[in-house]
Amino acid sequence: MSMKVDIWHNITWSRYKAGVFNELHRQTKDGPSSFRIFQIAETETGRNELAPVDYSKHRYPFRLLFEGAYESVPLWRMSRRLAGLVATTDADMVILAGYHRPEYWLQLLVGRLRGVAMGVFCDSTGRDRPTSRLRSLLKRLFFSNVQLAFCYGSRSRAYLMEHGVSPANIFIRRQAAELPPEYSAAAAVEGRVKQADPNRRRFLYVGRLAKEKSLDTLVEAFAKHRRTHPDAELFLIGAGPELEPLRRLCERLTVKDAVRFPGARSGEALVEAYQGATCLVLPSLSEPWGLVVNEALSYGCPAIVSDNCGCGPELIEPGRTGFIFKTGDVEDLAGCLEKACEAFGDVRTTADHCMTLIADYTPQRSAGQIIAACEATLQKRRSTPATGSATRPK
């Protein structure tokens, strides 16, 4: 079927979305349907500490509305621009970047008044930050006005259903890591076998050094582990406001010589970190998914995640691709560090488990799911008689 779809995304910085949008463009460029991508801003405050925007990753047509950080754009200017573009679109469907900002609500209102089919990307789960009754009611109101909601796993799906979204309107799509064009699963396994030493205890974190990542829990658990394994190492790759507090914590726990802070890493340096580590650890207090786990598994590296990480049910097979611990529980995490060293001693077998599980989480699959979901939603909409709602002018 033929369709025009506008997709809104918050920041160009997101490399993994670039991979999905590249594939979306590839799969539709010669067909009857078109997908237009609107990138609202280049980055968010703090993201450039990890890496700058890499425009070489974006090999698809897109429109950038604002240069610089999202937060630097005045709300009135942002709202006027975003709502104005929805007001004049000729798209059959508009997929919004989210539901948590006033400008997205305004886009939804304008789209509904024009009779355009509306969709939304939802990253949230019920284990995110606490919410109030008023916020829950507002979310229900927002979701009741969309015909399509994309989510990334069972927890996100449950969250949408708790807020009134019909299962028929929910589409789970695969989260996909951004991997280089030369990536090869077979080569990644061989690299893992070559670099990972089963007799070396090296734990890895990759991401922002921020409060919500609960890195103090990781450092404390590591300190406990090191009491019986004095050769253990912990690498905290990334940058952020918690750098100095974490350094002080390491000094207080007398592990400063065993905890490394190499700063942000990307490319081959990051691949080597994944391939040389016993496992990745993602101890977050709040993590709607945890895309870094996809990335680690893609290089044969298993992961330990908190039970607040949305990817846990889908990506963690205990003892095969990782372990799950109770969020904020130092003792439980310390126990998982010990279990990881025992369970992942057979490097090749573990890498094969990781590859088998992550093989379906690709940009190709994700893009295909977006196309199929939009087609199904619009087909249903076109075959359902109007019931008095507004229709877009022809």
Protein backbone atom coordinates (compact mmCIF):
# COMPACT_ATOMS: atom_id res chain seq x y z
CA MET A 1 0.00 0.00 0.00
CA SER A 2 0.99 3.61 -0.54
CA MET A 3 1.42 5.87 2.50
CA LYS A 4 3.20 9.00 3.68
CA VAL A 5 4.54 8.96 7.23
CA ASP A 6 6.27 11.70 9.21
CA ILE A 7 8.56 10.44 11.99
CA TRP A 8 9.66 12.86 14.69
CA HIS A 9 12.81 12.25 16.70
CA ASN A 10 14.27 14.37 19.48
CA ILE A 11 18.04 14.50 18.79
CA THR A 12 20.40 13.69 15.92
CA TRP A 13 23.01 12.51 18.47
CA SER A 14 21.38 9.08 18.76
CA ARG A 15 23.53 6.85 16.61
CA TYR A 16 21.38 3.76 17.02
CA LYS A 17 18.36 5.57 15.60
CA ALA A 18 20.50 6.63 12.65
CA GLY A 19 20.99 2.94 11.86
CA VAL A 20 17.25 2.30 11.98
CA PHE A 21 16.43 5.35 9.87
CA ASN A 22 19.12 4.42 7.33
CA GLU A 23 17.49 1.04 6.94
CA LEU A 24 14.00 2.55 6.82
CA HIS A 25 15.11 4.73 3.93
CA ARG A 26 16.76 1.79 2.15
CA GLN A 27 13.66 -0.39 2.41
CA THR A 28 11.24 2.28 1.12
CA LYS A 29 13.22 4.50 -1.28
CA ASP A 30 12.09 2.64 -4.41
CA GLY A 31 8.54 1.86 -3.28
CA PRO A 32 5.21 3.68 -3.19
CA SER A 33 5.54 4.72 0.46
CA SER A 34 7.63 7.53 1.91
CA PHE A 35 8.94 8.18 5.41
CA ARG A 36 10.11 11.68 6.27
CA ILE A 37 12.37 12.09 9.31
CA PHE A 38 12.32 15.25 11.40
CA GLN A 39 15.22 15.64 13.85
CA ILE A 40 14.19 18.29 16.35
CA ALA A 41 17.64 19.24 17.71
CA GLU A 42 21.24 18.09 17.44
CA THR A 43 21.90 16.95 21.00
CA GLU A 44 20.97 17.25 24.68
CA THR A 45 22.94 18.82 27.49
CA GLY A 46 25.58 16.34 28.64
CA ARG A 47 25.49 14.12 25.55
CA ASN A 48 28.53 15.75 23.98
CA GLU A 49 30.52 14.65 27.02
CA LEU A 50 30.14 11.13 25.66
CA ALA A 51 30.59 11.87 21.96
CA PRO A 52 29.82 14.64 19.46
CA VAL A 53 27.11 14.34 16.83
CA ASP A 54 28.43 12.12 14.04
CA TYR A 55 26.59 13.11 10.88
CA SER A 56 28.40 10.44 8.87
CA LYS A 57 26.09 7.91 10.54
CA HIS A 58 22.98 9.56 9.06
CA ARG A 59 22.76 8.28 5.49
CA TYR A 60 19.10 9.14 4.93
CA PRO A 61 17.26 12.39 4.11
CA PHE A 62 16.18 14.27 7.22
CA ARG A 63 15.24 17.76 8.31
CA LEU A 64 17.01 19.31 11.30
CA LEU A 65 14.93 22.01 12.96
CA PHE A 66 17.27 23.43 15.61
CA GLU A 67 21.03 23.44 15.95
CA GLY A 68 22.60 22.82 19.34
CA ALA A 69 21.02 21.35 22.47
CA TYR A 70 17.30 20.64 22.74
CA GLU A 71 17.12 22.43 26.10
CA SER A 72 18.52 25.64 24.63
CA VAL A 73 15.46 26.22 22.42
CA PRO A 74 12.73 28.36 24.04
CA LEU A 75 9.49 26.42 24.54
CA TRP A 76 7.38 28.94 22.61
CA ARG A 77 9.69 28.73 19.61
CA MET A 78 9.87 24.95 19.75
CA SER A 79 6.10 24.58 20.07
CA ARG A 80 5.32 26.98 17.24
CA ARG A 81 7.69 25.23 14.85
CA LEU A 82 6.64 21.67 15.67
CA ALA A 83 2.92 22.38 15.68
CA GLY A 84 3.19 24.41 12.47
CA LEU A 85 4.77 21.52 10.60
CA VAL A 86 2.06 19.11 11.72
CA ALA A 87 -0.58 21.68 10.74
CA THR A 88 0.69 21.78 7.15
CA THR A 89 1.75 18.17 6.61
CA ASP A 90 0.29 16.04 3.84
CA ALA A 91 1.23 12.85 5.69
CA ASP A 92 -1.23 10.04 6.35
CA MET A 93 0.39 9.42 9.73
CA VAL A 94 2.54 11.39 12.16
CA ILE A 95 4.63 9.49 14.70
CA LEU A 96 5.62 11.66 17.65
CA ALA A 97 8.94 11.50 19.49
CA GLY A 98 7.23 11.05 22.86
CA TYR A 99 4.46 12.19 25.16
CA HIS A 100 6.31 13.85 28.04
CA ARG A 101 6.79 17.39 26.71
CA PRO A 102 4.25 20.20 26.05
CA GLU A 103 5.27 20.53 22.41
CA TYR A 104 4.37 16.88 21.77
CA TRP A 105 0.94 17.46 23.28
CA LEU A 106 0.47 20.43 20.97
CA GLN A 107 1.47 18.34 17.96
CA LEU A 108 -1.02 15.68 19.02
CA LEU A 109 -3.81 18.24 19.32
CA VAL A 110 -3.10 19.75 15.91
CA GLY A 111 -2.86 16.33 14.28
CA ARG A 112 -6.12 15.16 15.80
CA LEU A 113 -7.93 18.33 14.71
CA ARG A 114 -6.72 17.72 11.16
CA GLY A 115 -7.75 14.08 11.20
CA VAL A 116 -4.23 12.71 10.70
CA ALA A 117 -3.48 9.28 12.13
CA MET A 118 -1.19 9.71 15.14
CA GLY A 119 1.46 7.43 16.56
CA VAL A 120 4.05 7.72 19.32
CA PHE A 121 7.31 6.15 20.42
CA CYS A 122 7.16 5.05 24.07
CA ASP A 123 10.32 4.06 25.95
CA SER A 124 8.77 4.03 29.43
CA THR A 125 8.17 1.10 31.76
CA GLY A 126 6.41 0.82 35.10
CA ARG A 127 9.82 0.66 36.80
CA ASP A 128 10.86 4.13 35.77
CA ARG A 129 10.67 7.09 38.11
CA PRO A 130 7.59 7.23 40.41
CA THR A 131 4.55 8.91 38.92
CA SER A 132 1.52 10.65 40.38
CA ARG A 133 -2.18 9.98 39.84
CA LEU A 134 -2.49 13.21 37.85
CA ARG A 135 0.37 12.25 35.55
CA SER A 136 -1.13 8.83 35.02
CA LEU A 137 -4.44 10.40 34.03
CA LEU A 138 -2.69 12.74 31.62
CA LYS A 139 -0.84 9.84 30.03
CA ARG A 140 -4.12 7.99 29.59
CA LEU A 141 -5.55 11.05 27.87
CA PHE A 142 -2.56 11.29 25.52
CA PHE A 143 -2.53 7.59 24.64
CA SER A 144 -6.29 7.56 24.05
CA ASN A 145 -5.68 9.88 21.10
CA VAL A 146 -3.08 7.81 19.24
CA GLN A 147 -3.80 4.93 16.91
CA LEU A 148 -0.31 3.41 17.12
CA ALA A 149 2.20 3.09 19.96
CA PHE A 150 5.69 1.66 19.46
CA CYS A 151 7.49 0.13 22.43
CA TYR A 152 10.65 -1.89 22.97
CA GLY A 153 9.79 -4.87 25.14
CA SER A 154 7.31 -6.63 27.39
CA ARG A 155 7.66 -4.13 30.23
CA SER A 156 7.00 -1.18 27.96
CA ARG A 157 4.02 -3.01 26.46
CA ALA A 158 2.61 -3.63 29.93
CA TYR A 159 3.10 0.06 30.75
CA LEU A 160 1.08 1.13 27.72
CA MET A 161 -1.70 -1.32 28.53
CA GLU A 162 -1.83 -0.04 32.12
CA HIS A 163 -2.46 3.41 30.64
CA GLY A 164 -5.36 2.29 28.51
CA VAL A 165 -3.76 1.46 25.16
CA SER A 166 -5.45 -1.40 23.34
CA PRO A 167 -3.12 -4.35 22.66
CA ALA A 168 -4.16 -4.07 19.01
CA ASN A 169 -2.58 -0.61 18.86
CA ILE A 170 0.74 -1.63 20.46
CA PHE A 171 3.66 -2.75 18.33
CA ILE A 172 6.86 -4.04 19.91
CA ARG A 173 9.87 -3.28 17.76
CA ARG A 174 13.40 -4.52 18.20
CA GLN A 175 15.91 -2.20 19.79
CA ALA A 176 19.01 -2.28 17.62
CA ALA A 177 22.55 -1.20 18.43
CA GLU A 178 24.46 0.97 15.97
CA LEU A 179 27.21 -1.26 14.61
CA PRO A 180 29.86 -0.35 12.00
CA PRO A 181 29.28 -1.35 8.36
CA GLU A 182 32.15 -3.84 8.54
CA TYR A 183 30.67 -5.60 11.57
CA SER A 184 30.68 -9.39 11.40
CA ALA A 185 29.22 -11.63 14.09
CA ALA A 186 31.74 -14.35 13.29
CA ALA A 187 34.66 -11.92 13.54
CA ALA A 188 33.24 -10.54 16.79
CA VAL A 189 33.21 -14.03 18.31
CA GLU A 190 36.80 -14.65 17.26
CA GLY A 191 37.82 -11.27 18.68
CA ARG A 192 36.12 -12.14 21.94
CA VAL A 193 37.84 -15.53 22.13
CA LYS A 194 41.19 -13.88 21.45
CA GLN A 195 40.91 -11.03 23.95
CA ALA A 196 38.81 -12.34 26.86
CA ASP A 197 40.88 -14.16 29.49
CA PRO A 198 38.70 -16.49 31.60
CA ASN A 199 41.24 -16.21 34.42
CA ARG A 200 41.01 -12.41 34.49
CA ARG A 201 38.21 -10.66 36.36
CA ARG A 202 37.49 -7.46 34.47
CA PHE A 203 34.11 -5.76 34.84
CA LEU A 204 32.91 -2.99 32.54
CA TYR A 205 30.42 -0.13 32.60
CA VAL A 206 29.74 2.05 29.53
CA GLY A 207 27.58 5.17 29.64
CA ARG A 208 27.06 8.47 31.43
CA LEU A 209 28.50 8.82 34.91
CA ALA A 210 25.22 10.01 36.39
CA LYS A 211 23.18 9.47 39.57
CA GLU A 212 20.45 7.44 37.91
CA LYS A 213 23.02 4.87 36.77
CA SER A 214 23.63 3.87 40.42
CA LEU A 215 27.36 3.50 39.91
CA ASP A 216 27.99 3.79 43.64
CA THR A 217 26.19 0.44 43.97
CA LEU A 218 28.55 -1.05 41.39
CA VAL A 219 31.68 0.35 43.05
CA GLU A 220 30.59 -0.93 46.48
CA ALA A 221 29.79 -4.38 45.07
CA PHE A 222 33.12 -4.43 43.27
CA ALA A 223 34.93 -3.53 46.50
CA LYS A 224 33.29 -6.52 48.20
CA HIS A 225 34.26 -8.79 45.31
CA ARG A 226 37.85 -7.57 45.41
CA ARG A 227 38.31 -8.57 49.04
CA THR A 228 38.56 -12.18 47.89
CA HIS A 229 39.83 -11.44 44.38
CA PRO A 230 42.50 -8.74 44.71
CA ASP A 231 43.38 -8.90 41.01
CA ALA A 232 39.87 -7.85 39.87
CA GLU A 233 39.46 -4.69 37.77
CA LEU A 234 36.57 -2.33 37.05
CA PHE A 235 36.48 -0.01 34.03
CA LEU A 236 33.95 2.86 34.10
CA ILE A 237 33.90 4.16 30.54
CA GLY A 238 32.11 7.45 30.05
CA ALA A 239 31.84 10.97 31.39
CA GLY A 240 29.41 12.90 33.52
CA PRO A 241 28.75 14.77 36.78
CA GLU A 242 29.45 11.78 39.04
CA LEU A 243 33.10 11.42 38.02
CA GLU A 244 34.63 13.11 41.05
CA PRO A 245 32.17 11.65 43.62
CA LEU A 246 32.97 8.20 42.23
CA ARG A 247 36.69 8.83 42.47
CA ARG A 248 36.27 9.81 46.12
CA LEU A 249 34.17 6.70 46.77
CA CYS A 250 36.86 4.50 45.23
CA GLU A 251 39.46 6.12 47.47
CA ARG A 252 37.32 5.64 50.57
CA LEU A 253 36.76 1.98 49.74
CA THR A 254 40.50 1.55 48.97
CA VAL A 255 39.90 0.36 45.39
CA LYS A 256 41.13 3.45 43.54
CA ASP A 257 44.02 1.50 42.00
CA ALA A 258 41.64 -1.15 40.63
CA VAL A 259 38.96 1.16 39.19
CA ARG A 260 39.81 2.84 35.90
CA PHE A 261 38.16 5.98 34.49
CA PRO A 262 39.32 6.05 30.84
CA GLY A 263 36.73 8.64 29.78
CA ALA A 264 34.38 8.31 26.82
CA ARG A 265 35.30 5.74 24.22
CA SER A 266 33.94 4.82 20.79
CA GLY A 267 34.92 2.82 17.74
CA GLU A 268 37.63 0.21 18.00
CA ALA A 269 38.62 1.24 21.54
CA LEU A 270 35.10 0.47 22.76
CA VAL A 271 34.96 -2.82 20.85
CA GLU A 272 38.19 -3.90 22.53
CA ALA A 273 36.71 -3.03 25.93
CA TYR A 274 33.68 -5.24 25.28
CA GLN A 275 35.75 -8.09 23.95
CA GLY A 276 38.21 -8.03 26.83
CA ALA A 277 35.75 -7.79 29.72
CA THR A 278 34.34 -10.62 31.81
CA CYS A 279 30.98 -8.88 31.48
CA LEU A 280 29.25 -5.54 31.20
CA VAL A 281 27.39 -4.22 34.27
CA LEU A 282 24.42 -1.86 33.99
CA PRO A 283 23.24 -1.09 37.56
CA SER A 284 20.74 1.68 36.70
CA LEU A 285 17.99 2.89 39.01
CA SER A 286 16.00 3.87 35.91
CA GLU A 287 16.65 2.42 32.44
CA PRO A 288 13.72 2.08 30.02
CA TRP A 289 15.73 -0.37 27.91
CA GLY A 290 19.55 -0.32 28.06
CA LEU A 291 20.86 -0.26 24.50
CA VAL A 292 24.43 -0.67 25.72
CA VAL A 293 23.48 -4.27 26.54
CA ASN A 294 22.59 -4.86 22.87
CA GLU A 295 25.98 -3.49 21.95
CA ALA A 296 27.85 -5.67 24.44
CA LEU A 297 26.04 -8.84 23.38
CA SER A 298 26.83 -8.03 19.75
CA TYR A 299 30.51 -8.45 20.65
CA GLY A 300 30.00 -11.64 22.64
CA CYS A 301 30.12 -9.88 26.03
CA PRO A 302 27.46 -10.98 28.56
CA ALA A 303 25.83 -8.47 30.91
CA ILE A 304 24.68 -8.04 34.48
CA VAL A 305 21.72 -5.63 34.74
CA SER A 306 19.51 -4.31 37.50
CA ASP A 307 15.91 -5.50 37.54
CA ASN A 308 14.86 -1.94 36.62
CA CYS A 309 16.49 -2.26 33.19
CA GLY A 310 13.78 -2.75 30.58
CA CYS A 311 15.85 -5.12 28.47
CA GLY A 312 16.17 -7.73 31.23
CA PRO A 313 13.29 -10.04 30.22
CA GLU A 314 14.30 -10.03 26.56
CA LEU A 315 18.10 -10.00 26.60
CA ILE A 316 19.22 -11.68 29.81
CA GLU A 317 19.15 -15.47 29.99
CA PRO A 318 20.61 -16.20 33.46
CA GLY A 319 23.90 -18.03 33.22
CA ARG A 320 23.96 -17.82 29.40
CA THR A 321 23.91 -14.13 28.45
CA GLY A 322 24.02 -12.55 31.88
CA PHE A 323 22.38 -12.11 35.27
CA ILE A 324 19.77 -9.81 36.81
CA PHE A 325 20.15 -8.37 40.33
CA LYS A 326 17.84 -6.43 42.60
CA THR A 327 18.21 -2.71 41.95
CA GLY A 328 20.42 -0.99 44.53
CA ASP A 329 21.27 -4.25 46.34
CA VAL A 330 25.04 -4.29 46.83
CA GLU A 331 25.12 -7.86 48.17
CA ASP A 332 23.05 -9.20 45.27
CA LEU A 333 25.23 -7.46 42.71
CA ALA A 334 28.41 -8.69 44.41
CA GLY A 335 27.00 -12.21 44.18
CA CYS A 336 26.31 -11.75 40.47
CA LEU A 337 29.88 -10.59 39.87
CA GLU A 338 31.06 -13.86 41.42
CA LYS A 339 28.57 -15.94 39.44
CA ALA A 340 29.58 -14.24 36.20
CA CYS A 341 33.21 -15.27 36.60
CA GLU A 342 32.13 -18.87 37.12
CA ALA A 343 29.41 -19.04 34.45
CA PHE A 344 31.27 -17.33 31.61
CA GLY A 345 34.57 -19.18 31.83
CA ASP A 346 33.93 -20.87 28.49
CA VAL A 347 34.42 -17.75 26.38
CA ARG A 348 33.38 -19.17 23.02
CA THR A 349 30.22 -20.84 24.30
CA THR A 350 29.17 -17.65 26.08
CA ALA A 351 29.88 -15.55 22.98
CA ASP A 352 27.81 -17.94 20.87
CA HIS A 353 24.90 -17.64 23.33
CA CYS A 354 25.11 -13.85 23.11
CA MET A 355 25.19 -13.88 19.31
CA THR A 356 22.25 -16.27 19.01
CA LEU A 357 20.07 -14.11 21.21
CA ILE A 358 21.00 -10.72 19.73
CA ALA A 359 20.85 -11.85 16.08
CA ASP A 360 17.24 -10.70 15.71
CA TYR A 361 17.86 -7.22 17.16
CA THR A 362 18.95 -5.45 13.99
CA PRO A 363 18.18 -2.16 12.25
CA GLN A 364 16.77 -4.18 9.34
CA ARG A 365 14.26 -5.93 11.59
CA SER A 366 13.39 -2.72 13.44
CA ALA A 367 12.77 -0.77 10.22
CA GLY A 368 10.66 -3.57 8.82
CA GLN A 369 8.54 -3.59 11.96
CA ILE A 370 7.96 0.17 11.70
CA ILE A 371 6.81 -0.17 8.10
CA ALA A 372 4.53 -3.12 8.85
CA ALA A 373 2.97 -1.41 11.87
CA CYS A 374 2.21 1.78 9.94
CA GLU A 375 0.72 -0.20 7.05
CA ALA A 376 -1.49 -2.25 9.39
CA THR A 377 -2.68 0.83 11.28
CA LEU A 378 -3.50 2.83 8.17
CA GLN A 379 -5.15 -0.15 6.47
CA LYS A 380 -7.40 -0.61 9.50
CA ARG A 381 -8.15 3.10 9.59
CA ARG A 382 -9.06 3.20 5.88
CA SER A 383 -11.35 0.20 6.17
CA THR A 384 -13.20 1.60 9.21
CA PRO A 385 -16.07 4.01 8.46
CA ALA A 386 -15.65 7.49 9.91
CA THR A 387 -17.62 8.17 13.10
CA GLY A 388 -17.79 11.91 13.08
CA SER A 389 -14.11 12.64 13.69
CA ALA A 390 -12.37 15.37 11.78
CA THR A 391 -10.82 14.44 8.46
CA ARG A 392 -7.81 16.00 6.80
CA PRO A 393 -8.68 18.28 3.89
CA LYS A 394 -8.00 16.66 0.51
